[in-house]
Amino acid sequence: GFDNWIIGLNGGDGWKIDPLMERHSDVTIRTNFVTSFYMCEKYQITDLEKEGYNAFFMDNFQPDIIISEWFASRFDWL
């Protein structure tokens, strides 16, 4: 669902969650976010301390944090 996501823009028909159109390489992923034909925006704020990283570690080691998102256009919307 949209748990932990903040919807910034929800244009057109807005955000929704659909089943995958093609199998994902990670078999645990069964749904994806889809948007409408107008600008849509979502974001998430992650509290790294709540995720188990202590402030000393983050301040002194400053680990690289990599965030990624897979996206594709849909061919079935005309």
PDB file of N, CA and C in Angstrom:
ATOM      1  N   GLY A   1       0.806  -1.179   0.000  1.00  0.00           N
ATOM      2  CA  GLY A   1       0.000   0.000   0.000  1.00  0.00           C
ATOM      3  C   GLY A   1       0.857   1.254   0.000  1.00  0.00           C
ATOM      4  N   PHE A   2       0.255   2.321   0.396  1.00  0.00           N
ATOM      5  CA  PHE A   2       0.945   3.601   0.454  1.00  0.00           C
ATOM      6  C   PHE A   2       1.495   3.880   1.853  1.00  0.00           C
ATOM      7  N   ASP A   3       1.582   2.828   2.692  1.00  0.00           N
ATOM      8  CA  ASP A   3       2.154   3.005   4.026  1.00  0.00           C
ATOM      9  C   ASP A   3       3.547   3.622   3.920  1.00  0.00           C
ATOM     10  N   ASN A   4       3.808   4.602   4.741  1.00  0.00           N
ATOM     11  CA  ASN A   4       5.104   5.283   4.809  1.00  0.00           C
ATOM     12  C   ASN A   4       5.417   6.146   3.587  1.00  0.00           C
ATOM     13  N   TRP A   5       4.492   6.315   2.684  1.00  0.00           N
ATOM     14  CA  TRP A   5       4.685   7.195   1.531  1.00  0.00           C
ATOM     15  C   TRP A   5       3.883   8.471   1.734  1.00  0.00           C
ATOM     16  N   ILE A   6       4.421   9.566   1.259  1.00  0.00           N
ATOM     17  CA  ILE A   6       3.739  10.851   1.287  1.00  0.00           C
ATOM     18  C   ILE A   6       3.450  11.216  -0.163  1.00  0.00           C
ATOM     19  N   ILE A   7       2.189  11.454  -0.467  1.00  0.00           N
ATOM     20  CA  ILE A   7       1.801  11.808  -1.823  1.00  0.00           C
ATOM     21  C   ILE A   7       1.905  13.320  -1.959  1.00  0.00           C
ATOM     22  N   GLY A   8       2.811  13.788  -2.821  1.00  0.00           N
ATOM     23  CA  GLY A   8       3.010  15.219  -3.032  1.00  0.00           C
ATOM     24  C   GLY A   8       2.051  15.762  -4.069  1.00  0.00           C
ATOM     25  N   LEU A   9       2.040  15.158  -5.248  1.00  0.00           N
ATOM     26  CA  LEU A   9       1.131  15.544  -6.324  1.00  0.00           C
ATOM     27  C   LEU A   9       0.355  14.310  -6.749  1.00  0.00           C
ATOM     28  N   ASN A  10      -0.906  14.498  -7.054  1.00  0.00           N
ATOM     29  CA  ASN A  10      -1.773  13.365  -7.373  1.00  0.00           C
ATOM     30  C   ASN A  10      -2.648  13.728  -8.567  1.00  0.00           C
ATOM     31  N   GLY A  11      -1.997  14.198  -9.650  1.00  0.00           N
ATOM     32  CA  GLY A  11      -2.723  14.714 -10.803  1.00  0.00           C
ATOM     33  C   GLY A  11      -3.473  13.659 -11.603  1.00  0.00           C
ATOM     34  N   GLY A  12      -4.352  14.135 -12.474  1.00  0.00           N
ATOM     35  CA  GLY A  12      -5.122  13.230 -13.329  1.00  0.00           C
ATOM     36  C   GLY A  12      -5.917  12.226 -12.513  1.00  0.00           C
ATOM     37  N   ASP A  13      -5.733  10.963 -12.808  1.00  0.00           N
ATOM     38  CA  ASP A  13      -6.396   9.909 -12.042  1.00  0.00           C
ATOM     39  C   ASP A  13      -5.604   9.518 -10.799  1.00  0.00           C
ATOM     40  N   GLY A  14      -4.460  10.152 -10.598  1.00  0.00           N
ATOM     41  CA  GLY A  14      -3.664   9.955  -9.383  1.00  0.00           C
ATOM     42  C   GLY A  14      -2.921   8.638  -9.303  1.00  0.00           C
ATOM     43  N   TRP A  15      -2.330   8.427  -8.150  1.00  0.00           N
ATOM     44  CA  TRP A  15      -1.559   7.214  -7.859  1.00  0.00           C
ATOM     45  C   TRP A  15      -2.505   6.059  -7.566  1.00  0.00           C
ATOM     46  N   LYS A  16      -2.091   4.867  -7.942  1.00  0.00           N
ATOM     47  CA  LYS A  16      -2.757   3.660  -7.487  1.00  0.00           C
ATOM     48  C   LYS A  16      -1.749   2.517  -7.509  1.00  0.00           C
ATOM     49  N   ILE A  17      -2.155   1.394  -6.990  1.00  0.00           N
ATOM     50  CA  ILE A  17      -1.291   0.219  -6.928  1.00  0.00           C
ATOM     51  C   ILE A  17      -1.944  -0.871  -7.769  1.00  0.00           C
ATOM     52  N   ASP A  18      -1.178  -1.409  -8.721  1.00  0.00           N
ATOM     53  CA  ASP A  18      -1.670  -2.439  -9.638  1.00  0.00           C
ATOM     54  C   ASP A  18      -0.815  -3.696  -9.526  1.00  0.00           C
ATOM     55  N   PRO A  19      -1.362  -4.823  -9.964  1.00  0.00           N
ATOM     56  CA  PRO A  19      -0.528  -6.025 -10.079  1.00  0.00           C
ATOM     57  C   PRO A  19       0.533  -5.804 -11.163  1.00  0.00           C
ATOM     58  N   LEU A  20       1.630  -6.523 -11.080  1.00  0.00           N
ATOM     59  CA  LEU A  20       2.682  -6.408 -12.088  1.00  0.00           C
ATOM     60  C   LEU A  20       2.181  -6.881 -13.446  1.00  0.00           C
ATOM     61  N   MET A  21       2.630  -6.215 -14.503  1.00  0.00           N
ATOM     62  CA  MET A  21       2.296  -6.648 -15.856  1.00  0.00           C
ATOM     63  C   MET A  21       3.278  -7.720 -16.333  1.00  0.00           C
ATOM     64  N   GLU A  22       4.482  -7.685 -15.803  1.00  0.00           N
ATOM     65  CA  GLU A  22       5.511  -8.669 -16.125  1.00  0.00           C
ATOM     66  C   GLU A  22       6.154  -9.129 -14.837  1.00  0.00           C
ATOM     67  N   ARG A  23       6.673 -10.336 -14.815  1.00  0.00           N
ATOM     68  CA  ARG A  23       7.298 -10.865 -13.611  1.00  0.00           C
ATOM     69  C   ARG A  23       8.558 -10.075 -13.277  1.00  0.00           C
ATOM     70  N   HIS A  24       8.712  -9.767 -12.011  1.00  0.00           N
ATOM     71  CA  HIS A  24       9.883  -9.044 -11.506  1.00  0.00           C
ATOM     72  C   HIS A  24      10.953 -10.059 -11.125  1.00  0.00           C
ATOM     73  N   SER A  25      12.220  -9.675 -11.192  1.00  0.00           N
ATOM     74  CA  SER A  25      13.310 -10.589 -10.810  1.00  0.00           C
ATOM     75  C   SER A  25      13.246 -10.965  -9.329  1.00  0.00           C
ATOM     76  N   ASP A  26      12.647 -10.110  -8.502  1.00  0.00           N
ATOM     77  CA  ASP A  26      12.419 -10.405  -7.086  1.00  0.00           C
ATOM     78  C   ASP A  26      10.997 -10.954  -6.971  1.00  0.00           C
ATOM     79  N   VAL A  27      10.868 -12.262  -6.781  1.00  0.00           N
ATOM     80  CA  VAL A  27       9.552 -12.906  -6.804  1.00  0.00           C
ATOM     81  C   VAL A  27       8.634 -12.453  -5.670  1.00  0.00           C
ATOM     82  N   THR A  28       9.177 -11.778  -4.660  1.00  0.00           N
ATOM     83  CA  THR A  28       8.323 -11.289  -3.572  1.00  0.00           C
ATOM     84  C   THR A  28       7.562 -10.024  -3.968  1.00  0.00           C
ATOM     85  N   ILE A  29       7.973  -9.383  -5.056  1.00  0.00           N
ATOM     86  CA  ILE A  29       7.311  -8.168  -5.523  1.00  0.00           C
ATOM     87  C   ILE A  29       6.172  -8.566  -6.446  1.00  0.00           C
ATOM     88  N   ARG A  30       4.957  -8.192  -6.058  1.00  0.00           N
ATOM     89  CA  ARG A  30       3.776  -8.592  -6.821  1.00  0.00           C
ATOM     90  C   ARG A  30       2.935  -7.412  -7.295  1.00  0.00           C
ATOM     91  N   THR A  31       3.251  -6.209  -6.805  1.00  0.00           N
ATOM     92  CA  THR A  31       2.499  -5.025  -7.202  1.00  0.00           C
ATOM     93  C   THR A  31       3.468  -3.892  -7.507  1.00  0.00           C
ATOM     94  N   ASN A  32       2.945  -2.859  -8.137  1.00  0.00           N
ATOM     95  CA  ASN A  32       3.745  -1.663  -8.394  1.00  0.00           C
ATOM     96  C   ASN A  32       2.866  -0.428  -8.351  1.00  0.00           C
ATOM     97  N   PHE A  33       3.502   0.722  -8.156  1.00  0.00           N
ATOM     98  CA  PHE A  33       2.805   2.001  -8.200  1.00  0.00           C
ATOM     99  C   PHE A  33       2.590   2.369  -9.664  1.00  0.00           C
ATOM    100  N   VAL A  34       1.446   2.919  -9.960  1.00  0.00           N
ATOM    101  CA  VAL A  34       1.199   3.457 -11.298  1.00  0.00           C
ATOM    102  C   VAL A  34       0.616   4.857 -11.137  1.00  0.00           C
ATOM    103  N   THR A  35       0.860   5.685 -12.152  1.00  0.00           N
ATOM    104  CA  THR A  35       0.369   7.058 -12.115  1.00  0.00           C
ATOM    105  C   THR A  35      -0.503   7.330 -13.321  1.00  0.00           C
ATOM    106  N   SER A  36      -1.038   8.500 -13.330  1.00  0.00           N
ATOM    107  CA  SER A  36      -1.938   8.943 -14.366  1.00  0.00           C
ATOM    108  C   SER A  36      -1.166   9.696 -15.449  1.00  0.00           C
ATOM    109  N   PHE A  37      -1.889  10.393 -16.240  1.00  0.00           N
ATOM    110  CA  PHE A  37      -1.328  11.135 -17.358  1.00  0.00           C
ATOM    111  C   PHE A  37      -0.902  12.542 -16.978  1.00  0.00           C
ATOM    112  N   TYR A  38      -1.102  12.945 -15.720  1.00  0.00           N
ATOM    113  CA  TYR A  38      -0.642  14.243 -15.239  1.00  0.00           C
ATOM    114  C   TYR A  38       0.423  14.042 -14.173  1.00  0.00           C
ATOM    115  N   MET A  39       1.056  15.123 -13.780  1.00  0.00           N
ATOM    116  CA  MET A  39       2.155  15.054 -12.817  1.00  0.00           C
ATOM    117  C   MET A  39       1.726  14.412 -11.506  1.00  0.00           C
ATOM    118  N   CYS A  40       2.492  13.421 -11.094  1.00  0.00           N
ATOM    119  CA  CYS A  40       2.292  12.767  -9.809  1.00  0.00           C
ATOM    120  C   CYS A  40       3.648  12.693  -9.111  1.00  0.00           C
ATOM    121  N   GLU A  41       3.643  12.741  -7.795  1.00  0.00           N
ATOM    122  CA  GLU A  41       4.891  12.745  -7.031  1.00  0.00           C
ATOM    123  C   GLU A  41       4.645  12.047  -5.704  1.00  0.00           C
ATOM    124  N   LYS A  42       5.585  11.192  -5.323  1.00  0.00           N
ATOM    125  CA  LYS A  42       5.527  10.549  -4.010  1.00  0.00           C
ATOM    126  C   LYS A  42       6.909  10.616  -3.402  1.00  0.00           C
ATOM    127  N   TYR A  43       6.962  10.633  -2.104  1.00  0.00           N
ATOM    128  CA  TYR A  43       8.253  10.611  -1.445  1.00  0.00           C
ATOM    129  C   TYR A  43       8.137   9.934  -0.100  1.00  0.00           C
ATOM    130  N   GLN A  44       9.294   9.645   0.455  1.00  0.00           N
ATOM    131  CA  GLN A  44       9.363   8.903   1.707  1.00  0.00           C
ATOM    132  C   GLN A  44      10.504   9.464   2.532  1.00  0.00           C
ATOM    133  N   ILE A  45      10.291   9.615   3.815  1.00  0.00           N
ATOM    134  CA  ILE A  45      11.339  10.060   4.728  1.00  0.00           C
ATOM    135  C   ILE A  45      11.676   8.876   5.622  1.00  0.00           C
ATOM    136  N   THR A  46      12.952   8.520   5.651  1.00  0.00           N
ATOM    137  CA  THR A  46      13.392   7.370   6.434  1.00  0.00           C
ATOM    138  C   THR A  46      14.259   7.837   7.588  1.00  0.00           C
ATOM    139  N   ASP A  47      13.890   7.464   8.783  1.00  0.00           N
ATOM    140  CA  ASP A  47      14.665   7.773   9.983  1.00  0.00           C
ATOM    141  C   ASP A  47      15.692   6.661  10.163  1.00  0.00           C
ATOM    142  N   LEU A  48      16.941   6.952   9.815  1.00  0.00           N
ATOM    143  CA  LEU A  48      17.979   5.923   9.851  1.00  0.00           C
ATOM    144  C   LEU A  48      18.255   5.414  11.259  1.00  0.00           C
ATOM    145  N   GLU A  49      18.082   6.261  12.255  1.00  0.00           N
ATOM    146  CA  GLU A  49      18.267   5.786  13.633  1.00  0.00           C
ATOM    147  C   GLU A  49      17.207   4.746  13.993  1.00  0.00           C
ATOM    148  N   LYS A  50      15.972   4.968  13.556  1.00  0.00           N
ATOM    149  CA  LYS A  50      14.917   3.979  13.794  1.00  0.00           C
ATOM    150  C   LYS A  50      15.191   2.675  13.049  1.00  0.00           C
ATOM    151  N   GLU A  51      15.956   2.775  11.955  1.00  0.00           N
ATOM    152  CA  GLU A  51      16.302   1.590  11.162  1.00  0.00           C
ATOM    153  C   GLU A  51      17.527   0.869  11.721  1.00  0.00           C
ATOM    154  N   GLY A  52      18.098   1.395  12.814  1.00  0.00           N
ATOM    155  CA  GLY A  52      19.187   0.690  13.470  1.00  0.00           C
ATOM    156  C   GLY A  52      20.578   1.289  13.307  1.00  0.00           C
ATOM    157  N   TYR A  53      20.693   2.408  12.623  1.00  0.00           N
ATOM    158  CA  TYR A  53      21.992   3.064  12.463  1.00  0.00           C
ATOM    159  C   TYR A  53      22.149   4.098  13.567  1.00  0.00           C
ATOM    160  N   ASN A  54      23.231   4.008  14.344  1.00  0.00           N
ATOM    161  CA  ASN A  54      23.387   4.992  15.421  1.00  0.00           C
ATOM    162  C   ASN A  54      24.079   6.247  14.910  1.00  0.00           C
ATOM    163  N   ALA A  55      23.865   7.326  15.618  1.00  0.00           N
ATOM    164  CA  ALA A  55      24.373   8.631  15.201  1.00  0.00           C
ATOM    165  C   ALA A  55      25.898   8.644  15.109  1.00  0.00           C
ATOM    166  N   PHE A  56      26.595   7.988  16.035  1.00  0.00           N
ATOM    167  CA  PHE A  56      28.059   7.947  15.999  1.00  0.00           C
ATOM    168  C   PHE A  56      28.546   7.327  14.695  1.00  0.00           C
ATOM    169  N   PHE A  57      27.953   6.222  14.312  1.00  0.00           N
ATOM    170  CA  PHE A  57      28.336   5.541  13.075  1.00  0.00           C
ATOM    171  C   PHE A  57      28.104   6.450  11.868  1.00  0.00           C
ATOM    172  N   MET A  58      26.926   7.054  11.814  1.00  0.00           N
ATOM    173  CA  MET A  58      26.604   7.913  10.662  1.00  0.00           C
ATOM    174  C   MET A  58      27.493   9.148  10.617  1.00  0.00           C
ATOM    175  N   ASP A  59      27.773   9.747  11.778  1.00  0.00           N
ATOM    176  CA  ASP A  59      28.594  10.956  11.810  1.00  0.00           C
ATOM    177  C   ASP A  59      30.051  10.677  11.489  1.00  0.00           C
ATOM    178  N   ASN A  60      30.588   9.567  11.987  1.00  0.00           N
ATOM    179  CA  ASN A  60      32.015   9.309  11.846  1.00  0.00           C
ATOM    180  C   ASN A  60      32.389   8.507  10.604  1.00  0.00           C
ATOM    181  N   PHE A  61      31.555   7.566  10.218  1.00  0.00           N
ATOM    182  CA  PHE A  61      31.884   6.751   9.048  1.00  0.00           C
ATOM    183  C   PHE A  61      31.212   7.259   7.775  1.00  0.00           C
ATOM    184  N   GLN A  62      30.156   8.006   7.936  1.00  0.00           N
ATOM    185  CA  GLN A  62      29.409   8.601   6.827  1.00  0.00           C
ATOM    186  C   GLN A  62      29.276   7.614   5.658  1.00  0.00           C
ATOM    187  N   PRO A  63      28.563   6.517   5.895  1.00  0.00           N
ATOM    188  CA  PRO A  63      28.434   5.501   4.843  1.00  0.00           C
ATOM    189  C   PRO A  63      27.642   6.027   3.647  1.00  0.00           C
ATOM    190  N   ASP A  64      27.980   5.512   2.480  1.00  0.00           N
ATOM    191  CA  ASP A  64      27.193   5.832   1.294  1.00  0.00           C
ATOM    192  C   ASP A  64      25.813   5.213   1.459  1.00  0.00           C
ATOM    193  N   ILE A  65      24.808   5.950   1.100  1.00  0.00           N
ATOM    194  CA  ILE A  65      23.434   5.459   1.146  1.00  0.00           C
ATOM    195  C   ILE A  65      22.909   5.519  -0.281  1.00  0.00           C
ATOM    196  N   ILE A  66      22.537   4.372  -0.791  1.00  0.00           N
ATOM    197  CA  ILE A  66      22.077   4.288  -2.176  1.00  0.00           C
ATOM    198  C   ILE A  66      20.588   3.953  -2.179  1.00  0.00           C
ATOM    199  N   ILE A  67      19.840   4.775  -2.876  1.00  0.00           N
ATOM    200  CA  ILE A  67      18.398   4.590  -2.999  1.00  0.00           C
ATOM    201  C   ILE A  67      18.099   4.457  -4.485  1.00  0.00           C
ATOM    202  N   SER A  68      17.272   3.515  -4.838  1.00  0.00           N
ATOM    203  CA  SER A  68      16.932   3.377  -6.255  1.00  0.00           C
ATOM    204  C   SER A  68      15.460   3.034  -6.405  1.00  0.00           C
ATOM    205  N   GLU A  69      14.960   3.285  -7.591  1.00  0.00           N
ATOM    206  CA  GLU A  69      13.584   2.962  -7.907  1.00  0.00           C
ATOM    207  C   GLU A  69      13.531   2.571  -9.373  1.00  0.00           C
ATOM    208  N   TRP A  70      12.865   1.481  -9.653  1.00  0.00           N
ATOM    209  CA  TRP A  70      12.701   1.023 -11.026  1.00  0.00           C
ATOM    210  C   TRP A  70      11.437   1.652 -11.585  1.00  0.00           C
ATOM    211  N   PHE A  71      11.479   2.084 -12.831  1.00  0.00           N
ATOM    212  CA  PHE A  71      10.280   2.649 -13.433  1.00  0.00           C
ATOM    213  C   PHE A  71      10.238   2.321 -14.914  1.00  0.00           C
ATOM    214  N   ALA A  72       9.070   2.357 -15.479  1.00  0.00           N
ATOM    215  CA  ALA A  72       8.881   2.110 -16.913  1.00  0.00           C
ATOM    216  C   ALA A  72       7.584   2.764 -17.347  1.00  0.00           C
ATOM    217  N   SER A  73       7.539   3.138 -18.612  1.00  0.00           N
ATOM    218  CA  SER A  73       6.274   3.651 -19.138  1.00  0.00           C
ATOM    219  C   SER A  73       5.379   2.469 -19.488  1.00  0.00           C
ATOM    220  N   ARG A  74       4.097   2.745 -19.535  1.00  0.00           N
ATOM    221  CA  ARG A  74       3.143   1.686 -19.874  1.00  0.00           C
ATOM    222  C   ARG A  74       2.693   1.865 -21.307  1.00  0.00           C
ATOM    223  N   PHE A  75       2.554   0.763 -21.987  1.00  0.00           N
ATOM    224  CA  PHE A  75       2.157   0.791 -23.392  1.00  0.00           C
ATOM    225  C   PHE A  75       0.656   0.609 -23.582  1.00  0.00           C
ATOM    226  N   ASP A  76      -0.061   0.268 -22.540  1.00  0.00           N
ATOM    227  CA  ASP A  76      -1.468  -0.099 -22.675  1.00  0.00           C
ATOM    228  C   ASP A  76      -2.434   1.050 -22.404  1.00  0.00           C
ATOM    229  N   TRP A  77      -1.925   2.258 -22.205  1.00  0.00           N
ATOM    230  CA  TRP A  77      -2.784   3.404 -21.946  1.00  0.00           C
ATOM    231  C   TRP A  77      -2.819   4.304 -23.176  1.00  0.00           C
ATOM    232  N   LEU A  78      -3.948   4.443 -23.753  1.00  0.00           N
ATOM    233  CA  LEU A  78      -4.071   5.278 -24.953  1.00  0.00           C
ATOM    234  C   LEU A  78      -4.939   6.483 -24.687  1.00  0.00           C
TER     235      LEU A  78
END
